[in-house]
N, C-alpha and C. Protein backbone atom coordinates (compact mmCIF):
# COMPACT_ATOMS: atom_id res chain seq x y z
N MET A 1 0.77 -1.04 -0.27
CA MET A 1 -0.18 -0.19 0.00
C MET A 1 0.73 1.40 -0.01
N ARG A 2 0.62 2.13 -0.92
CA ARG A 2 1.13 3.31 -0.72
C ARG A 2 1.10 4.16 0.61
N PRO A 3 1.98 4.75 1.07
CA PRO A 3 2.03 5.53 2.16
C PRO A 3 1.03 6.49 2.40
N GLU A 4 0.78 7.19 1.09
CA GLU A 4 -0.45 8.36 1.41
C GLU A 4 -1.71 7.56 1.64
N LYS A 5 -2.03 6.10 1.27
CA LYS A 5 -3.07 5.87 1.59
C LYS A 5 -3.16 5.03 2.66
N SER A 6 -1.68 4.57 3.33
CA SER A 6 -1.82 4.30 4.59
C SER A 6 -2.29 5.07 5.72
N THR A 7 -1.81 6.66 5.57
CA THR A 7 -1.97 7.51 6.70
C THR A 7 -3.60 7.78 6.29
N ILE A 8 -4.04 7.62 4.76
CA ILE A 8 -5.51 7.62 5.55
C ILE A 8 -6.03 6.88 6.07
N VAL A 9 -5.98 5.44 5.99
CA VAL A 9 -6.37 4.21 6.68
C VAL A 9 -6.14 4.36 8.19
N ASP A 10 -4.79 5.24 8.54
CA ASP A 10 -4.35 5.34 9.79
C ASP A 10 -5.15 6.19 10.66
N ASP A 11 -5.34 7.35 9.78
CA ASP A 11 -6.79 8.55 10.05
C ASP A 11 -7.80 8.32 10.59
N ILE A 12 -8.21 7.31 9.62
CA ILE A 12 -10.05 6.70 9.64
C ILE A 12 -9.94 5.50 11.31
N LYS A 13 -8.59 4.73 10.80
CA LYS A 13 -8.91 3.78 12.47
C LYS A 13 -8.40 4.77 13.43
N LEU A 14 -7.57 6.23 13.42
CA LEU A 14 -7.84 6.67 14.96
C LEU A 14 -8.83 7.36 15.37
N ARG A 15 -10.38 7.56 14.13
CA ARG A 15 -10.98 8.12 14.56
C ARG A 15 -12.02 7.22 15.09
N LEU A 16 -11.73 5.90 14.79
CA LEU A 16 -12.42 4.76 14.71
C LEU A 16 -12.31 4.66 16.65
N ASN A 17 -11.05 4.60 16.74
CA ASN A 17 -10.76 4.31 18.25
C ASN A 17 -10.97 4.96 19.47
N ALA A 18 -11.27 6.41 18.69
CA ALA A 18 -11.84 7.27 19.67
C ALA A 18 -12.88 7.43 20.00
N ALA A 19 -13.67 7.17 18.85
CA ALA A 19 -15.44 7.37 19.12
C ALA A 19 -15.96 5.89 19.81
N PRO A 20 -16.95 6.15 20.60
CA PRO A 20 -17.58 5.08 21.18
C PRO A 20 -18.49 4.46 20.21
N PHE A 21 -19.12 5.24 18.91
CA PHE A 21 -19.91 4.51 18.16
C PHE A 21 -19.79 4.82 16.61
N LEU A 22 -20.16 4.25 15.82
CA LEU A 22 -19.94 4.97 14.20
C LEU A 22 -21.42 4.33 13.55
N ILE A 23 -21.45 5.04 12.59
CA ILE A 23 -22.94 4.87 11.65
C ILE A 23 -22.46 5.15 10.36
N LEU A 24 -22.76 4.23 9.64
CA LEU A 24 -22.39 4.37 8.32
C LEU A 24 -23.80 4.68 7.47
N ILE A 25 -23.76 5.87 6.61
CA ILE A 25 -24.86 5.95 5.97
C ILE A 25 -24.81 6.36 4.19
N GLU A 26 -25.53 6.13 3.47
CA GLU A 26 -25.56 5.94 1.92
C GLU A 26 -25.74 7.41 1.79
N TYR A 27 -24.89 8.04 0.97
CA TYR A 27 -25.31 9.43 0.70
C TYR A 27 -25.55 9.72 -0.66
N GLY A 28 -25.97 8.58 -1.48
CA GLY A 28 -25.81 8.90 -3.30
C GLY A 28 -26.78 9.67 -3.52
N GLY A 29 -27.10 10.45 -4.32
CA GLY A 29 -28.12 11.09 -4.91
C GLY A 29 -28.14 12.77 -3.95
N MET A 30 -27.48 12.99 -3.18
CA MET A 30 -27.30 14.51 -2.00
C MET A 30 -26.38 15.24 -3.11
N ASN A 31 -27.27 16.11 -2.72
CA ASN A 31 -26.43 17.41 -3.62
C ASN A 31 -25.26 18.26 -2.18
N VAL A 32 -24.13 18.73 -2.88
CA VAL A 32 -23.13 19.36 -2.20
C VAL A 32 -24.04 20.32 -0.82
N VAL A 33 -25.28 21.21 -1.07
CA VAL A 33 -25.26 21.92 -0.53
C VAL A 33 -26.27 21.37 0.77
N HIS A 34 -27.30 19.84 0.43
CA HIS A 34 -27.70 18.89 1.33
C HIS A 34 -26.56 18.45 2.16
N PHE A 35 -25.47 18.01 1.55
CA PHE A 35 -24.43 17.14 2.50
C PHE A 35 -23.99 18.13 3.39
N ALA A 36 -23.94 19.58 2.91
CA ALA A 36 -22.94 20.83 4.18
C ALA A 36 -24.10 20.74 4.93
N GLU A 37 -25.33 20.57 5.23
CA GLU A 37 -26.59 21.03 5.63
C GLU A 37 -26.25 19.62 6.96
N LEU A 38 -26.31 18.40 6.49
CA LEU A 38 -26.10 17.44 7.04
C LEU A 38 -24.80 17.31 8.11
N ARG A 39 -23.83 17.80 7.50
CA ARG A 39 -22.32 17.79 8.27
C ARG A 39 -22.91 18.97 9.35
N LYS A 40 -23.30 20.07 8.92
CA LYS A 40 -23.66 21.03 10.43
C LYS A 40 -24.74 20.57 11.28
N ARG A 41 -25.39 19.96 10.91
CA ARG A 41 -26.36 19.30 11.81
C ARG A 41 -25.80 17.92 12.87
N LEU A 42 -24.90 17.86 12.36
CA LEU A 42 -23.90 16.53 12.60
C LEU A 42 -23.24 17.12 13.78
N THR A 43 -22.20 18.19 13.45
CA THR A 43 -21.31 18.98 14.05
C THR A 43 -22.42 19.69 15.45
N GLU A 44 -23.41 20.27 15.24
CA GLU A 44 -24.19 20.34 16.46
C GLU A 44 -24.59 19.34 17.32
N ALA A 45 -25.00 18.20 16.91
CA ALA A 45 -24.80 16.76 17.81
C ALA A 45 -23.72 16.44 18.29
N GLY A 46 -22.65 17.03 17.92
CA GLY A 46 -21.54 16.18 18.72
C GLY A 46 -20.58 15.53 17.93
N SER A 47 -21.14 15.35 16.57
CA SER A 47 -20.48 14.18 15.44
C SER A 47 -19.85 14.72 14.19
N GLN A 48 -19.21 14.22 13.55
CA GLN A 48 -18.22 14.44 12.37
C GLN A 48 -18.98 13.25 11.31
N CYS A 49 -19.11 13.71 10.26
CA CYS A 49 -19.34 13.07 9.16
C CYS A 49 -18.33 13.37 8.08
N SER A 50 -17.96 12.30 7.12
CA SER A 50 -16.93 12.25 6.22
C SER A 50 -16.88 11.23 4.95
N VAL A 51 -16.64 11.53 4.26
CA VAL A 51 -16.91 10.00 3.01
C VAL A 51 -15.80 9.89 3.00
N VAL A 52 -15.58 7.94 3.22
CA VAL A 52 -14.47 7.37 2.85
C VAL A 52 -14.59 6.32 1.93
N LYS A 53 -13.59 6.01 2.01
CA LYS A 53 -13.60 4.73 0.44
C LYS A 53 -13.75 3.54 1.28
N ASN A 54 -14.82 2.92 0.57
CA ASN A 54 -15.11 1.32 1.28
C ASN A 54 -13.67 0.66 1.65
N THR A 55 -12.73 0.86 0.89
CA THR A 55 -11.78 -0.50 0.75
C THR A 55 -10.89 0.05 2.05
N PHE A 56 -10.94 1.58 2.27
CA PHE A 56 -10.06 2.13 3.40
C PHE A 56 -10.65 2.02 4.68
N LEU A 57 -11.93 2.05 4.60
CA LEU A 57 -12.71 1.60 5.74
C LEU A 57 -12.38 0.17 6.13
N LYS A 58 -12.98 -0.64 5.24
CA LYS A 58 -12.90 -2.13 5.64
C LYS A 58 -11.52 -2.49 6.03
N ARG A 59 -10.25 -1.98 5.73
CA ARG A 59 -8.88 -1.98 6.29
C ARG A 59 -8.83 -1.44 7.54
N ALA A 60 -9.26 -0.06 8.03
CA ALA A 60 -9.36 0.29 9.28
C ALA A 60 -9.58 0.08 9.77
N LEU A 61 -11.32 -0.49 9.82
CA LEU A 61 -12.25 -1.90 10.98
C LEU A 61 -11.19 -3.10 11.04
N LYS A 62 -10.86 -3.38 10.16
CA LYS A 62 -9.63 -4.42 10.54
C LYS A 62 -8.90 -4.28 11.53
N ASP A 63 -7.91 -3.10 11.51
CA ASP A 63 -6.69 -3.10 12.14
C ASP A 63 -6.92 -2.50 13.29
N ALA A 64 -8.59 -1.52 13.36
CA ALA A 64 -8.85 -1.34 14.54
C ALA A 64 -9.33 -2.45 15.50
N GLY A 65 -9.51 -3.88 15.18
CA GLY A 65 -10.03 -4.65 15.34
C GLY A 65 -11.77 -4.82 16.02
N LEU A 66 -12.10 -3.68 14.83
CA LEU A 66 -13.90 -3.90 15.05
C LEU A 66 -14.44 -4.93 14.46
N VAL A 67 -15.69 -5.17 14.46
CA VAL A 67 -16.41 -6.03 13.74
C VAL A 67 -16.46 -5.60 12.51
N ALA A 68 -16.24 -6.88 11.16
CA ALA A 68 -16.43 -6.50 10.03
C ALA A 68 -17.98 -5.87 9.52
N LEU A 69 -17.92 -4.93 8.56
CA LEU A 69 -18.93 -4.71 7.73
C LEU A 69 -18.95 -4.64 6.46
N ASP A 70 -18.36 -5.91 6.24
CA ASP A 70 -18.27 -5.97 4.92
C ASP A 70 -19.54 -5.85 3.45
N GLU A 71 -20.28 -6.28 4.35
CA GLU A 71 -21.74 -6.68 3.02
C GLU A 71 -22.27 -5.44 3.21
N HIS A 72 -21.84 -4.42 4.12
CA HIS A 72 -22.76 -3.17 4.42
C HIS A 72 -21.94 -2.06 3.42
N LEU A 73 -20.49 -2.54 2.76
CA LEU A 73 -19.49 -1.46 2.20
C LEU A 73 -20.19 -1.58 0.69
N ALA A 74 -20.65 -0.81 0.26
CA ALA A 74 -20.79 -1.10 -1.18
C ALA A 74 -21.67 0.42 -1.50
N GLY A 75 -21.41 0.81 -2.71
CA GLY A 75 -21.74 2.36 -3.10
C GLY A 75 -21.00 3.38 -2.85
N GLN A 76 -21.68 4.24 -2.70
CA GLN A 76 -21.29 5.69 -1.87
C GLN A 76 -21.40 6.03 -0.20
N THR A 77 -20.05 5.43 0.66
CA THR A 77 -20.54 5.80 2.08
C THR A 77 -20.04 6.66 2.69
N ALA A 78 -20.60 7.27 3.67
CA ALA A 78 -19.96 8.29 4.49
C ALA A 78 -20.09 7.60 5.95
N LEU A 79 -18.83 8.33 6.62
CA LEU A 79 -18.41 7.73 7.78
C LEU A 79 -18.96 8.73 9.17
N VAL A 80 -19.88 8.41 10.04
CA VAL A 80 -20.51 9.35 10.83
C VAL A 80 -19.73 8.78 12.42
N THR A 81 -19.14 9.69 12.87
CA THR A 81 -18.59 9.20 14.08
C THR A 81 -18.72 10.58 15.35
N GLY A 82 -18.63 10.22 16.56
CA GLY A 82 -18.55 11.02 17.81
C GLY A 82 -18.57 10.54 18.96
N GLU A 83 -17.95 11.48 19.75
CA GLU A 83 -17.41 10.90 21.31
C GLU A 83 -18.75 11.74 21.95
N LYS A 84 -19.83 12.31 22.08
CA LYS A 84 -21.08 12.19 22.88
C LYS A 84 -22.13 11.41 22.54
N ASP A 85 -23.21 11.90 22.43
CA ASP A 85 -24.55 11.02 22.45
C ASP A 85 -25.18 10.71 21.28
N VAL A 86 -24.80 9.41 21.11
CA VAL A 86 -25.16 8.85 19.99
C VAL A 86 -26.61 8.86 19.30
N CYS A 87 -27.55 8.90 20.47
CA CYS A 87 -29.07 9.05 20.32
C CYS A 87 -29.02 10.66 19.59
N ALA A 88 -28.38 11.69 20.06
CA ALA A 88 -28.40 12.85 19.37
C ALA A 88 -28.47 12.85 17.97
N THR A 89 -27.21 11.94 17.79
CA THR A 89 -26.65 12.18 16.18
C THR A 89 -27.44 11.17 15.10
N ALA A 90 -28.12 10.13 15.83
CA ALA A 90 -29.18 9.17 15.26
C ALA A 90 -30.51 10.42 14.92
N LYS A 91 -30.73 11.07 16.07
CA LYS A 91 -31.92 11.82 15.84
C LYS A 91 -31.61 12.52 14.27
N ALA A 92 -30.39 13.31 14.76
CA ALA A 92 -30.21 14.29 13.35
C ALA A 92 -30.35 13.85 12.23
N ILE A 93 -29.59 12.57 11.91
CA ILE A 93 -29.63 11.63 10.75
C ILE A 93 -31.16 11.53 10.39
N LYS A 94 -31.64 10.91 11.32
CA LYS A 94 -33.22 10.68 11.08
C LYS A 94 -34.48 11.97 10.65
N THR A 95 -34.00 13.06 11.16
CA THR A 95 -34.85 14.26 11.03
C THR A 95 -34.32 14.65 9.65
N PHE A 96 -33.39 14.98 9.42
CA PHE A 96 -32.41 15.22 8.02
C PHE A 96 -33.21 14.36 6.60
N ALA A 97 -33.20 12.95 6.84
CA ALA A 97 -33.54 12.13 6.17
C ALA A 97 -34.86 12.33 6.17
N ALA A 98 -35.67 12.74 7.04
CA ALA A 98 -37.11 12.63 6.89
C ALA A 98 -37.35 13.94 6.13
N GLU A 99 -36.41 15.03 6.61
CA GLU A 99 -36.87 15.98 5.62
C GLU A 99 -36.58 16.21 3.85
N PHE A 100 -35.32 15.51 3.95
CA PHE A 100 -34.52 15.12 2.66
C PHE A 100 -34.60 14.18 1.56
N LYS A 101 -35.37 13.05 2.00
CA LYS A 101 -35.15 11.61 1.64
C LYS A 101 -33.87 11.27 1.51
N LYS A 102 -33.01 11.51 1.83
CA LYS A 102 -31.59 11.20 2.14
C LYS A 102 -30.57 11.99 3.09
N PRO A 103 -29.67 11.05 3.96
CA PRO A 103 -29.33 9.85 3.28
C PRO A 103 -29.72 8.29 4.08
N THR A 104 -29.66 7.54 3.71
CA THR A 104 -30.40 6.34 4.03
C THR A 104 -29.15 5.47 5.09
N VAL A 105 -29.63 5.22 6.03
CA VAL A 105 -28.81 4.59 7.35
C VAL A 105 -28.49 2.79 6.69
N ARG A 106 -27.13 2.61 6.66
CA ARG A 106 -27.02 1.24 6.96
C ARG A 106 -26.67 0.23 7.91
N VAL A 107 -25.79 0.74 8.29
CA VAL A 107 -25.57 0.16 9.72
C VAL A 107 -24.97 0.90 10.99
N GLY A 108 -24.73 0.28 12.23
CA GLY A 108 -23.93 1.21 13.25
C GLY A 108 -22.68 0.24 13.76
N ILE A 109 -22.33 0.81 14.59
CA ILE A 109 -21.59 0.21 15.51
C ILE A 109 -21.57 0.88 16.84
N LEU A 110 -21.87 0.26 17.85
CA LEU A 110 -21.99 0.82 19.24
C LEU A 110 -21.10 -0.04 20.26
N ASP A 111 -20.11 0.24 20.95
CA ASP A 111 -19.25 -0.38 22.04
C ASP A 111 -18.77 -1.74 21.26
N ASN A 112 -18.41 -1.80 20.21
CA ASN A 112 -18.20 -2.84 19.38
C ASN A 112 -19.09 -3.81 18.84
N ALA A 113 -20.52 -3.54 19.14
CA ALA A 113 -21.66 -4.39 18.75
C ALA A 113 -22.53 -3.94 17.44
N ILE A 114 -22.94 -4.47 16.21
CA ILE A 114 -23.60 -4.52 15.20
C ILE A 114 -24.60 -3.83 15.77
N LEU A 115 -25.32 -2.39 15.17
CA LEU A 115 -26.60 -1.84 15.67
C LEU A 115 -27.47 -1.96 13.44
N SER A 116 -28.31 -2.51 13.90
CA SER A 116 -29.18 -2.83 12.59
C SER A 116 -29.95 -1.01 12.65
N VAL A 117 -30.33 -1.06 11.42
CA VAL A 117 -30.95 0.05 11.10
C VAL A 117 -32.05 0.53 12.15
N ASP A 118 -33.21 -0.63 12.41
CA ASP A 118 -34.02 -0.51 13.34
C ASP A 118 -33.61 -0.05 14.50
N GLN A 119 -32.32 -0.89 15.02
CA GLN A 119 -32.14 0.17 16.15
C GLN A 119 -31.31 1.45 16.33
N ILE A 120 -30.62 1.97 15.16
CA ILE A 120 -30.46 2.93 15.43
C ILE A 120 -31.76 4.19 14.99
N MET A 121 -32.68 3.49 14.57
CA MET A 121 -34.02 4.47 14.91
C MET A 121 -34.69 4.45 16.18
N ALA A 122 -34.16 3.31 16.58
CA ALA A 122 -34.96 3.20 18.34
C ALA A 122 -34.13 4.25 18.82
N LEU A 123 -32.89 4.20 18.53
CA LEU A 123 -32.08 5.50 19.65
C LEU A 123 -32.52 6.84 19.20
N ALA A 124 -32.70 6.98 17.74
CA ALA A 124 -33.29 8.45 17.74
C ALA A 124 -34.42 8.53 18.31
N ALA A 125 -35.21 7.52 18.66
CA ALA A 125 -36.56 7.96 19.26
C ALA A 125 -36.48 8.23 20.90
N LEU A 126 -35.23 7.89 21.42
CA LEU A 126 -34.95 8.38 22.91
C LEU A 126 -35.00 9.71 22.66
N PRO A 127 -35.18 10.25 24.16
CA PRO A 127 -35.06 11.42 24.31
C PRO A 127 -33.40 11.71 24.51
N SER A 128 -33.10 13.29 24.86
CA SER A 128 -31.78 13.30 24.91
C SER A 128 -31.04 12.73 25.93
N LYS A 129 -29.63 13.26 26.13
CA LYS A 129 -29.10 12.40 27.66
C LYS A 129 -29.44 13.48 28.69
N GLU A 130 -29.49 14.79 28.10
CA GLU A 130 -29.70 15.94 29.63
C GLU A 130 -31.39 15.28 29.88
N VAL A 131 -32.36 14.87 29.25
CA VAL A 131 -33.39 14.39 29.60
C VAL A 131 -33.37 13.36 30.37
N LEU A 132 -33.06 12.44 29.87
CA LEU A 132 -33.02 10.95 30.60
C LEU A 132 -32.08 11.28 31.77
N GLN A 133 -31.31 12.06 32.47
CA GLN A 133 -30.51 12.31 33.60
C GLN A 133 -31.61 12.85 34.28
N SER A 134 -32.17 13.74 33.57
CA SER A 134 -33.34 14.60 34.79
C SER A 134 -34.46 13.55 35.33
N GLN A 135 -34.39 12.90 34.26
CA GLN A 135 -35.70 11.91 34.53
C GLN A 135 -35.04 11.04 35.33
N LEU A 136 -34.17 10.26 35.71
CA LEU A 136 -33.16 9.54 36.54
C LEU A 136 -32.90 10.16 37.79
N LEU A 137 -33.07 11.61 37.82
CA LEU A 137 -32.76 12.03 39.22
C LEU A 137 -34.24 12.15 39.88
N GLY A 138 -35.12 12.40 38.87
CA GLY A 138 -36.63 12.92 39.66
C GLY A 138 -36.62 11.08 40.15
N LEU A 139 -36.59 10.43 39.36
CA LEU A 139 -36.92 9.23 39.67
C LEU A 139 -36.16 8.59 41.31
N LEU A 140 -34.80 9.25 41.62
CA LEU A 140 -34.22 8.89 42.66
C LEU A 140 -34.87 9.99 43.92
N LEU A 141 -35.07 10.64 43.40
CA LEU A 141 -35.79 11.92 44.84
C LEU A 141 -37.40 11.81 44.85
N MET A 142 -37.55 10.75 44.50
CA MET A 142 -39.11 10.73 44.52
C MET A 142 -39.38 9.74 45.69
N PRO A 143 -38.62 8.91 46.31
CA PRO A 143 -39.03 8.30 47.30
C PRO A 143 -38.33 9.45 48.86
N ALA A 144 -37.80 9.92 48.77
CA ALA A 144 -37.29 11.06 49.20
C ALA A 144 -38.52 12.29 49.96
N THR A 145 -39.16 12.59 48.43
CA THR A 145 -39.99 13.33 48.66
C THR A 145 -41.35 13.04 48.75
N LYS A 146 -41.55 11.78 48.73
CA LYS A 146 -42.77 11.34 49.44
C LYS A 146 -42.58 10.94 50.97
N LEU A 147 -41.50 10.94 51.45
CA LEU A 147 -41.35 10.73 52.75
C LEU A 147 -41.43 12.28 53.37
N VAL A 148 -40.90 13.30 52.98
CA VAL A 148 -41.26 14.39 53.40
C VAL A 148 -42.57 14.67 53.49
N ARG A 149 -43.35 14.60 52.22
CA ARG A 149 -44.63 14.64 52.51
C ARG A 149 -45.37 13.91 53.44
N THR A 150 -45.40 12.53 53.52
CA THR A 150 -45.89 11.92 54.62
C THR A 150 -45.43 12.46 56.33
N LEU A 151 -44.47 12.94 56.31
CA LEU A 151 -43.68 13.29 57.66
C LEU A 151 -44.70 14.94 57.63
N ASN A 152 -44.92 15.55 56.76
CA ASN A 152 -44.98 16.72 56.85
C ASN A 152 -46.92 16.89 57.05
N GLU A 153 -47.57 15.62 56.57
CA GLU A 153 -49.06 15.97 56.48
C GLU A 153 -49.65 15.73 57.73
N PRO A 154 -49.28 15.23 58.87
CA PRO A 154 -50.30 15.58 60.57
C PRO A 154 -50.03 16.60 60.66
N GLY A 155 -48.74 17.78 60.47
CA GLY A 155 -49.00 18.85 60.96
C GLY A 155 -49.82 19.69 60.33
N ALA A 156 -49.33 19.25 58.97
CA ALA A 156 -50.66 20.15 58.02
C ALA A 156 -51.82 20.33 58.13
N SER A 157 -52.53 19.06 58.52
CA SER A 157 -53.71 18.49 58.92
C SER A 157 -54.19 19.24 60.11
N LEU A 158 -53.51 19.23 61.30
CA LEU A 158 -53.56 20.08 62.48
C LEU A 158 -53.76 21.38 62.29
N ALA A 159 -52.87 21.99 61.30
CA ALA A 159 -52.75 23.53 60.90
C ALA A 159 -54.23 23.82 60.32
N ARG A 160 -54.86 23.17 59.16
CA ARG A 160 -55.99 23.23 58.29
C ARG A 160 -57.30 23.28 59.27
N VAL A 161 -57.31 22.25 60.42
CA VAL A 161 -58.15 22.26 61.26
C VAL A 161 -58.44 23.55 62.23
N LEU A 162 -57.08 23.80 62.74
CA LEU A 162 -57.29 24.82 63.41
C LEU A 162 -57.91 26.47 62.69
N ALA A 163 -57.23 26.28 61.50
CA ALA A 163 -57.54 27.38 60.59
C ALA A 163 -59.23 27.48 60.53
N ALA A 164 -59.53 26.38 60.15
CA ALA A 164 -61.07 26.25 59.89
C ALA A 164 -62.12 26.63 61.29
N LYS A 165 -61.29 25.70 62.25
CA LYS A 165 -61.84 26.36 63.71
C LYS A 165 -61.71 27.96 64.07
N ALA A 166 -60.63 28.50 63.52
CA ALA A 166 -60.64 29.99 63.88
C ALA A 166 -61.53 30.61 62.72
N LYS A 167 -61.78 30.18 61.61
CA LYS A 167 -62.50 31.01 60.86
C LYS A 167 -63.85 30.46 60.92
N ALA A 168 -64.22 29.86 61.41
CA ALA A 168 -65.71 29.56 62.45
C ALA A 168 -66.09 30.26 63.19
N GLU A 169 -65.17 30.59 64.06
CA GLU A 169 -65.63 32.04 65.04
C GLU A 169 -65.74 32.85 64.90
């Protein structure tokens, strides 16, 4: 392999090793303006999108020790990787595809496990990481809140009875 090609493969491998997830999309039929808009939305979601040659990606996946995706590497392939929230990235791709009918999701990898298109769309349907964290926090605080209400109720009942008695006089 020529040195410049091995450099490209090494760059792809570095991105794959640094990212906890990747999503492969088919971008055929998209014009430059739409692709730039997709990249902008993915950047806002904390991800990067780059066009890769299938043979380079095959080699980089093998060198990185990730699962082989040979059956999904055909046609015009773009690689989406990120270091933040996979759900936000999947949601950005899903909403963009709903608007412009392109790109189509092929496959993904999350923590070295293959994700099907349906699984990626399920991730896109999840709320954002911040919303999930706040829901979890609310769930964790609920028993303490109920305990405080229960402990407070006898005093509040007495106060209501005394207030009603005072109002009646």
